[in-house]
Amino acid sequence: MSFKIKLNVDRTVRDLYPGLTRNEVYIISEQIEENWDYSNLIDEVKTLTEQYAKADKIDLEGKDGVAE
């Protein structure tokens, strides 16, 4: 089983700014996709993992793949 989070960038840009032309949406969306920094998303997943693991009493100690 695999869990994914997907975001349609052009649809989101269009929803946020419905007054943009198709070409403007394309130009902005293309630049967002090409320059997206995934590190914030990864940091958020890490934070949520720690929160949910704590709430569900799952021990993460030594399970992070970092050599000690």
PDB file of N, CA and C in Angstrom:
ATOM      1  N   MET A   1       0.848  -1.171   0.000  1.00  0.00           N
ATOM      2  CA  MET A   1       0.000   0.000   0.000  1.00  0.00           C
ATOM      3  C   MET A   1       0.896   1.238   0.000  1.00  0.00           C
ATOM      4  N   SER A   2       0.496   2.235  -0.715  1.00  0.00           N
ATOM      5  CA  SER A   2       1.256   3.475  -0.798  1.00  0.00           C
ATOM      6  C   SER A   2       0.305   4.657  -0.619  1.00  0.00           C
ATOM      7  N   PHE A   3       0.728   5.608   0.182  1.00  0.00           N
ATOM      8  CA  PHE A   3      -0.081   6.805   0.410  1.00  0.00           C
ATOM      9  C   PHE A   3       0.613   7.991  -0.240  1.00  0.00           C
ATOM     10  N   LYS A   4      -0.140   8.782  -0.996  1.00  0.00           N
ATOM     11  CA  LYS A   4       0.432   9.907  -1.727  1.00  0.00           C
ATOM     12  C   LYS A   4      -0.396  11.156  -1.492  1.00  0.00           C
ATOM     13  N   ILE A   5       0.277  12.284  -1.542  1.00  0.00           N
ATOM     14  CA  ILE A   5      -0.388  13.579  -1.512  1.00  0.00           C
ATOM     15  C   ILE A   5      -0.083  14.237  -2.850  1.00  0.00           C
ATOM     16  N   LYS A   6      -1.120  14.566  -3.571  1.00  0.00           N
ATOM     17  CA  LYS A   6      -0.938  15.170  -4.893  1.00  0.00           C
ATOM     18  C   LYS A   6      -1.593  16.542  -4.917  1.00  0.00           C
ATOM     19  N   LEU A   7      -1.002  17.435  -5.666  1.00  0.00           N
ATOM     20  CA  LEU A   7      -1.551  18.776  -5.825  1.00  0.00           C
ATOM     21  C   LEU A   7      -1.482  19.154  -7.300  1.00  0.00           C
ATOM     22  N   ASN A   8      -2.602  19.489  -7.859  1.00  0.00           N
ATOM     23  CA  ASN A   8      -2.655  19.964  -9.231  1.00  0.00           C
ATOM     24  C   ASN A   8      -2.346  21.458  -9.189  1.00  0.00           C
ATOM     25  N   VAL A   9      -1.125  21.813  -9.560  1.00  0.00           N
ATOM     26  CA  VAL A   9      -0.648  23.191  -9.411  1.00  0.00           C
ATOM     27  C   VAL A   9      -1.467  24.161 -10.255  1.00  0.00           C
ATOM     28  N   ASP A  10      -1.693  23.853 -11.522  1.00  0.00           N
ATOM     29  CA  ASP A  10      -2.413  24.808 -12.360  1.00  0.00           C
ATOM     30  C   ASP A  10      -3.855  24.990 -11.891  1.00  0.00           C
ATOM     31  N   ARG A  11      -4.494  23.935 -11.437  1.00  0.00           N
ATOM     32  CA  ARG A  11      -5.858  24.064 -10.918  1.00  0.00           C
ATOM     33  C   ARG A  11      -5.869  24.925  -9.655  1.00  0.00           C
ATOM     34  N   THR A  12      -4.885  24.729  -8.803  1.00  0.00           N
ATOM     35  CA  THR A  12      -4.805  25.511  -7.570  1.00  0.00           C
ATOM     36  C   THR A  12      -4.564  26.982  -7.867  1.00  0.00           C
ATOM     37  N   VAL A  13      -3.638  27.270  -8.775  1.00  0.00           N
ATOM     38  CA  VAL A  13      -3.381  28.662  -9.160  1.00  0.00           C
ATOM     39  C   VAL A  13      -4.643  29.279  -9.750  1.00  0.00           C
ATOM     40  N   ARG A  14      -5.325  28.527 -10.595  1.00  0.00           N
ATOM     41  CA  ARG A  14      -6.562  29.012 -11.221  1.00  0.00           C
ATOM     42  C   ARG A  14      -7.656  29.252 -10.173  1.00  0.00           C
ATOM     43  N   ASP A  15      -7.760  28.362  -9.194  1.00  0.00           N
ATOM     44  CA  ASP A  15      -8.753  28.533  -8.128  1.00  0.00           C
ATOM     45  C   ASP A  15      -8.439  29.746  -7.257  1.00  0.00           C
ATOM     46  N   LEU A  16      -7.150  29.965  -6.982  1.00  0.00           N
ATOM     47  CA  LEU A  16      -6.750  31.099  -6.156  1.00  0.00           C
ATOM     48  C   LEU A  16      -6.907  32.428  -6.879  1.00  0.00           C
ATOM     49  N   TYR A  17      -6.664  32.422  -8.186  1.00  0.00           N
ATOM     50  CA  TYR A  17      -6.712  33.639  -9.002  1.00  0.00           C
ATOM     51  C   TYR A  17      -7.517  33.387 -10.275  1.00  0.00           C
ATOM     52  N   PRO A  18      -8.821  33.301 -10.148  1.00  0.00           N
ATOM     53  CA  PRO A  18      -9.658  32.964 -11.302  1.00  0.00           C
ATOM     54  C   PRO A  18      -9.614  34.006 -12.428  1.00  0.00           C
ATOM     55  N   GLY A  19      -9.096  35.186 -12.163  1.00  0.00           N
ATOM     56  CA  GLY A  19      -9.021  36.213 -13.192  1.00  0.00           C
ATOM     57  C   GLY A  19      -7.833  36.067 -14.125  1.00  0.00           C
ATOM     58  N   LEU A  20      -6.929  35.124 -13.837  1.00  0.00           N
ATOM     59  CA  LEU A  20      -5.766  34.924 -14.711  1.00  0.00           C
ATOM     60  C   LEU A  20      -6.185  34.267 -16.018  1.00  0.00           C
ATOM     61  N   THR A  21      -5.466  34.588 -17.076  1.00  0.00           N
ATOM     62  CA  THR A  21      -5.696  33.907 -18.354  1.00  0.00           C
ATOM     63  C   THR A  21      -5.079  32.510 -18.283  1.00  0.00           C
ATOM     64  N   ARG A  22      -5.466  31.649 -19.225  1.00  0.00           N
ATOM     65  CA  ARG A  22      -4.880  30.302 -19.281  1.00  0.00           C
ATOM     66  C   ARG A  22      -3.366  30.370 -19.415  1.00  0.00           C
ATOM     67  N   ASN A  23      -2.902  31.295 -20.245  1.00  0.00           N
ATOM     68  CA  ASN A  23      -1.468  31.438 -20.459  1.00  0.00           C
ATOM     69  C   ASN A  23      -0.767  31.889 -19.181  1.00  0.00           C
ATOM     70  N   GLU A  24      -1.361  32.815 -18.451  1.00  0.00           N
ATOM     71  CA  GLU A  24      -0.769  33.278 -17.200  1.00  0.00           C
ATOM     72  C   GLU A  24      -0.712  32.143 -16.173  1.00  0.00           C
ATOM     73  N   VAL A  25      -1.775  31.366 -16.095  1.00  0.00           N
ATOM     74  CA  VAL A  25      -1.803  30.209 -15.194  1.00  0.00           C
ATOM     75  C   VAL A  25      -0.703  29.229 -15.591  1.00  0.00           C
ATOM     76  N   TYR A  26      -0.544  28.980 -16.878  1.00  0.00           N
ATOM     77  CA  TYR A  26       0.476  28.056 -17.369  1.00  0.00           C
ATOM     78  C   TYR A  26       1.879  28.537 -16.989  1.00  0.00           C
ATOM     79  N   ILE A  27       2.151  29.807 -17.239  1.00  0.00           N
ATOM     80  CA  ILE A  27       3.481  30.363 -16.964  1.00  0.00           C
ATOM     81  C   ILE A  27       3.812  30.257 -15.475  1.00  0.00           C
ATOM     82  N   ILE A  28       2.882  30.659 -14.623  1.00  0.00           N
ATOM     83  CA  ILE A  28       3.103  30.619 -13.178  1.00  0.00           C
ATOM     84  C   ILE A  28       3.233  29.179 -12.695  1.00  0.00           C
ATOM     85  N   SER A  29       2.337  28.313 -13.137  1.00  0.00           N
ATOM     86  CA  SER A  29       2.341  26.915 -12.695  1.00  0.00           C
ATOM     87  C   SER A  29       3.618  26.200 -13.099  1.00  0.00           C
ATOM     88  N   GLU A  30       4.067  26.455 -14.293  1.00  0.00           N
ATOM     89  CA  GLU A  30       5.302  25.838 -14.778  1.00  0.00           C
ATOM     90  C   GLU A  30       6.483  26.237 -13.897  1.00  0.00           C
ATOM     91  N   GLN A  31       6.560  27.501 -13.544  1.00  0.00           N
ATOM     92  CA  GLN A  31       7.670  27.974 -12.713  1.00  0.00           C
ATOM     93  C   GLN A  31       7.584  27.406 -11.296  1.00  0.00           C
ATOM     94  N   ILE A  32       6.374  27.319 -10.759  1.00  0.00           N
ATOM     95  CA  ILE A  32       6.200  26.725  -9.425  1.00  0.00           C
ATOM     96  C   ILE A  32       6.680  25.287  -9.442  1.00  0.00           C
ATOM     97  N   GLU A  33       6.239  24.508 -10.432  1.00  0.00           N
ATOM     98  CA  GLU A  33       6.611  23.093 -10.521  1.00  0.00           C
ATOM     99  C   GLU A  33       8.115  22.921 -10.704  1.00  0.00           C
ATOM    100  N   GLU A  34       8.721  23.735 -11.543  1.00  0.00           N
ATOM    101  CA  GLU A  34      10.152  23.607 -11.823  1.00  0.00           C
ATOM    102  C   GLU A  34      11.026  24.012 -10.646  1.00  0.00           C
ATOM    103  N   ASN A  35      10.539  24.906  -9.804  1.00  0.00           N
ATOM    104  CA  ASN A  35      11.358  25.447  -8.720  1.00  0.00           C
ATOM    105  C   ASN A  35      10.896  25.016  -7.335  1.00  0.00           C
ATOM    106  N   TRP A  36       9.983  24.049  -7.267  1.00  0.00           N
ATOM    107  CA  TRP A  36       9.422  23.631  -5.990  1.00  0.00           C
ATOM    108  C   TRP A  36      10.507  23.053  -5.079  1.00  0.00           C
ATOM    109  N   ASP A  37      10.499  23.471  -3.825  1.00  0.00           N
ATOM    110  CA  ASP A  37      11.429  22.973  -2.822  1.00  0.00           C
ATOM    111  C   ASP A  37      10.672  21.994  -1.927  1.00  0.00           C
ATOM    112  N   TYR A  38      10.988  20.734  -2.031  1.00  0.00           N
ATOM    113  CA  TYR A  38      10.280  19.692  -1.297  1.00  0.00           C
ATOM    114  C   TYR A  38      10.692  19.612   0.172  1.00  0.00           C
ATOM    115  N   SER A  39      11.740  20.315   0.563  1.00  0.00           N
ATOM    116  CA  SER A  39      12.242  20.183   1.931  1.00  0.00           C
ATOM    117  C   SER A  39      11.201  20.594   2.970  1.00  0.00           C
ATOM    118  N   ASN A  40      10.399  21.622   2.703  1.00  0.00           N
ATOM    119  CA  ASN A  40       9.362  22.018   3.656  1.00  0.00           C
ATOM    120  C   ASN A  40       8.306  20.929   3.812  1.00  0.00           C
ATOM    121  N   LEU A  41       7.945  20.310   2.721  1.00  0.00           N
ATOM    122  CA  LEU A  41       6.960  19.231   2.758  1.00  0.00           C
ATOM    123  C   LEU A  41       7.511  18.033   3.539  1.00  0.00           C
ATOM    124  N   ILE A  42       8.759  17.708   3.314  1.00  0.00           N
ATOM    125  CA  ILE A  42       9.392  16.598   4.024  1.00  0.00           C
ATOM    126  C   ILE A  42       9.478  16.912   5.517  1.00  0.00           C
ATOM    127  N   ASP A  43       9.825  18.154   5.861  1.00  0.00           N
ATOM    128  CA  ASP A  43       9.868  18.557   7.267  1.00  0.00           C
ATOM    129  C   ASP A  43       8.497  18.440   7.919  1.00  0.00           C
ATOM    130  N   GLU A  44       7.455  18.814   7.195  1.00  0.00           N
ATOM    131  CA  GLU A  44       6.093  18.718   7.721  1.00  0.00           C
ATOM    132  C   GLU A  44       5.689  17.259   7.946  1.00  0.00           C
ATOM    133  N   VAL A  45       6.045  16.375   7.017  1.00  0.00           N
ATOM    134  CA  VAL A  45       5.740  14.951   7.181  1.00  0.00           C
ATOM    135  C   VAL A  45       6.493  14.398   8.390  1.00  0.00           C
ATOM    136  N   LYS A  46       7.738  14.815   8.573  1.00  0.00           N
ATOM    137  CA  LYS A  46       8.520  14.363   9.730  1.00  0.00           C
ATOM    138  C   LYS A  46       7.864  14.817  11.029  1.00  0.00           C
ATOM    139  N   THR A  47       7.459  16.074  11.098  1.00  0.00           N
ATOM    140  CA  THR A  47       6.800  16.597  12.293  1.00  0.00           C
ATOM    141  C   THR A  47       5.506  15.845  12.581  1.00  0.00           C
ATOM    142  N   LEU A  48       4.700  15.638  11.559  1.00  0.00           N
ATOM    143  CA  LEU A  48       3.438  14.918  11.748  1.00  0.00           C
ATOM    144  C   LEU A  48       3.676  13.465  12.145  1.00  0.00           C
ATOM    145  N   THR A  49       4.701  12.841  11.575  1.00  0.00           N
ATOM    146  CA  THR A  49       5.047  11.469  11.938  1.00  0.00           C
ATOM    147  C   THR A  49       5.351  11.391  13.431  1.00  0.00           C
ATOM    148  N   GLU A  50       6.148  12.339  13.915  1.00  0.00           N
ATOM    149  CA  GLU A  50       6.496  12.353  15.342  1.00  0.00           C
ATOM    150  C   GLU A  50       5.259  12.583  16.210  1.00  0.00           C
ATOM    151  N   GLN A  51       4.385  13.485  15.801  1.00  0.00           N
ATOM    152  CA  GLN A  51       3.169  13.768  16.574  1.00  0.00           C
ATOM    153  C   GLN A  51       2.248  12.556  16.628  1.00  0.00           C
ATOM    154  N   TYR A  52       1.994  11.942  15.488  1.00  0.00           N
ATOM    155  CA  TYR A  52       1.089  10.795  15.439  1.00  0.00           C
ATOM    156  C   TYR A  52       1.695   9.577  16.120  1.00  0.00           C
ATOM    157  N   ALA A  53       3.005   9.385  15.981  1.00  0.00           N
ATOM    158  CA  ALA A  53       3.662   8.270  16.653  1.00  0.00           C
ATOM    159  C   ALA A  53       3.528   8.425  18.170  1.00  0.00           C
ATOM    160  N   LYS A  54       3.727   9.628  18.655  1.00  0.00           N
ATOM    161  CA  LYS A  54       3.578   9.878  20.091  1.00  0.00           C
ATOM    162  C   LYS A  54       2.138   9.596  20.531  1.00  0.00           C
ATOM    163  N   ALA A  55       1.162  10.105  19.786  1.00  0.00           N
ATOM    164  CA  ALA A  55      -0.250   9.917  20.128  1.00  0.00           C
ATOM    165  C   ALA A  55      -0.638   8.437  20.091  1.00  0.00           C
ATOM    166  N   ASP A  56      -0.017   7.687  19.180  1.00  0.00           N
ATOM    167  CA  ASP A  56      -0.341   6.261  19.024  1.00  0.00           C
ATOM    168  C   ASP A  56       0.620   5.356  19.786  1.00  0.00           C
ATOM    169  N   LYS A  57       1.488   5.991  20.613  1.00  0.00           N
ATOM    170  CA  LYS A  57       2.452   5.251  21.437  1.00  0.00           C
ATOM    171  C   LYS A  57       3.369   4.352  20.596  1.00  0.00           C
ATOM    172  N   ILE A  58       3.851   4.894  19.498  1.00  0.00           N
ATOM    173  CA  ILE A  58       4.801   4.185  18.637  1.00  0.00           C
ATOM    174  C   ILE A  58       6.176   4.779  18.910  1.00  0.00           C
ATOM    175  N   ASP A  59       7.114   3.940  19.295  1.00  0.00           N
ATOM    176  CA  ASP A  59       8.469   4.370  19.630  1.00  0.00           C
ATOM    177  C   ASP A  59       9.279   4.565  18.341  1.00  0.00           C
ATOM    178  N   LEU A  60       9.787   5.743  18.136  1.00  0.00           N
ATOM    179  CA  LEU A  60      10.610   6.030  16.955  1.00  0.00           C
ATOM    180  C   LEU A  60      12.106   5.971  17.248  1.00  0.00           C
ATOM    181  N   GLU A  61      12.453   5.779  18.495  1.00  0.00           N
ATOM    182  CA  GLU A  61      13.863   5.756  18.909  1.00  0.00           C
ATOM    183  C   GLU A  61      14.653   4.724  18.111  1.00  0.00           C
ATOM    184  N   GLY A  62      15.718   5.186  17.454  1.00  0.00           N
ATOM    185  CA  GLY A  62      16.599   4.300  16.700  1.00  0.00           C
ATOM    186  C   GLY A  62      16.041   3.826  15.377  1.00  0.00           C
ATOM    187  N   LYS A  63      14.904   4.356  14.966  1.00  0.00           N
ATOM    188  CA  LYS A  63      14.269   3.895  13.727  1.00  0.00           C
ATOM    189  C   LYS A  63      14.361   4.909  12.599  1.00  0.00           C
ATOM    190  N   ASP A  64      15.198   5.930  12.787  1.00  0.00           N
ATOM    191  CA  ASP A  64      15.273   7.003  11.800  1.00  0.00           C
ATOM    192  C   ASP A  64      16.351   6.786  10.748  1.00  0.00           C
ATOM    193  N   GLY A  65      17.108   5.732  10.831  1.00  0.00           N
ATOM    194  CA  GLY A  65      18.119   5.446   9.814  1.00  0.00           C
ATOM    195  C   GLY A  65      19.388   6.263   9.976  1.00  0.00           C
ATOM    196  N   VAL A  66      19.476   7.054  11.057  1.00  0.00           N
ATOM    197  CA  VAL A  66      20.657   7.864  11.306  1.00  0.00           C
ATOM    198  C   VAL A  66      21.625   7.041  12.159  1.00  0.00           C
ATOM    199  N   ALA A  67      22.865   6.902  11.673  1.00  0.00           N
ATOM    200  CA  ALA A  67      23.866   6.143  12.410  1.00  0.00           C
ATOM    201  C   ALA A  67      24.264   6.906  13.672  1.00  0.00           C
ATOM    202  N   GLU A  68      24.385   6.173  14.743  1.00  0.00           N
ATOM    203  CA  GLU A  68      24.777   6.808  16.015  1.00  0.00           C
ATOM    204  C   GLU A  68      26.246   6.683  16.246  1.00  0.00           C
TER     205      GLU A  68
END
